[in-house]
Amino acid sequence: MPPIAQSPHIGEPLDPLPREFAALMRPEIPGLIKEIGVEVQRTYPVYAHLFSGPHSDAIRQGVEQALTAFVERVADPGVNAPFRDELLRKFGRVEAYEGRDLDTLQGAYRLGARIALRRAKSIGRTYNLSPTLILAFADALFAYVEELAALSREGYAMVQSRALSDVAALRRKLLHLVVAGPPLPRAAITELCQEASWQLPAECTMVALRPPVAEPAQTGLDRDVLADLTLPEPHLLVPGPLTAERLAMLGSALAGTPAVIGLTVPPGEAGHSIRWARRVLRLIDDGIVADAPLVHCEDHLTTLWLLSDPALVAQLAKRELAPLDGLSGTRRERLVETLRVHVSTRAPAEQVGEMLGVHAQTVRYRLRNLDSHFGDRLLDPDRRFALEAALRSLHLYDRKRAD
């Protein structure tokens, strides 16, 4: 291959790896993501709470982006990866916020590289690749690790360069520590509260924002609101419950930036609150929850619960609706919809007919049909509850598909 010019954006080119090698590596990425996550948490227990906390999605995205960018650079040495770069810088910022040096993070990167190299050797044996190629892969891989470490050092330096007198930086660190719990690092938080002139409240309200955040937001917030609007998933912490005054402040400061207001919880549960709020943001994007400038998480708790595990919902629906499996598509759909309204409302046939837009006699016929299929299941409170949960979940997904 001809030599490739150095680019400050993509690091060292990966000569002499053949581009075809990327096709062998791509199928390995999902398994590597999982294996690296397990091994990093086992070797570096300090990261366990991050993998299971509110930043877990960003962490997994970072690992995925790092692996994918390496493979894509083998296929196309000139490719850039700006999203990967920002996520790796964020890793460095997190280390600085949590008061660690970069040795642990760099060790985790090297561990990931060793796991990837082990997988490459396995591929080499499977496809009878030359030892020279595997050695070239190892050289390129560990050079790439240095590139990842350099990006994280940039993020780390961004935080470290801020003076201790920078109250905004201290409060961003406070926000990160509160959201990263439980358990809350009480000693560190107490010290930061003193330095930042901020009092840890008995309760707080988390707010998830959809980027990009409007420019006036930071200056329009109340002084005691903790905010980090630079993250891929920006968020706020409002001390105490969301009063009418606080709500008006948010409406003015956010200037139309879509936001979901989480539940008011003790600080130790702030991570749960922001996780639920972000989940509602995704449900808005999916068309399941109606969009609005400010959406309240507490208005959608049942939807959050019903859709918290789509695969489990599908299994529940499969089990509870099994008596209708032998019916044709259209007939089954009509009976399922009638059953949903009947079980959810407990209304008489006339009202069910009005809701479905059919005659009451049609409803009675369908209910008799349902009795013949389900028998005593509809009389058992536990089975009826499970059936209603399954039907409500299916209805929410059907609304998404209809849109």
Foldseek 3Di string as FASTA:
>chain_A
DDDDDADPQQGHQLPPAALVVLVVCVVCLVVLLVVLVVVLCVVPVVCVLVCVFLCVVLVSVLSSLLSVSLSVCSNPVVDGRVVNLVSLLVVLLLCLLVPHDCPSVLVSLVVSLVVSLVVVVVSCVVVVNDPVNSVSVSVSSVSSSVVSSVSNVVSNVVLVVDDLLPLLSLLQSLVVQLLSDVVRPVVVNVVSCVSNVADQAQKKKKKKFQDPFDPQQVVLADPRKRWDNPDNTTMIIGHDDCDPVNVVSNCVNRVQTAMEIFDIGGSRCNRVRVSLRVVVVVCCVLVLDPTDSYHYSVVCPLVCVLPVDVVVLVVLQCVLLVLCVVDDDVLSVVLLLLLLCCLVPVDQLCVSCVVVVHHSVVSVVSVVVVCVSCPCLCVDVVSSVSSNSSSVSVVSVVSSVVD
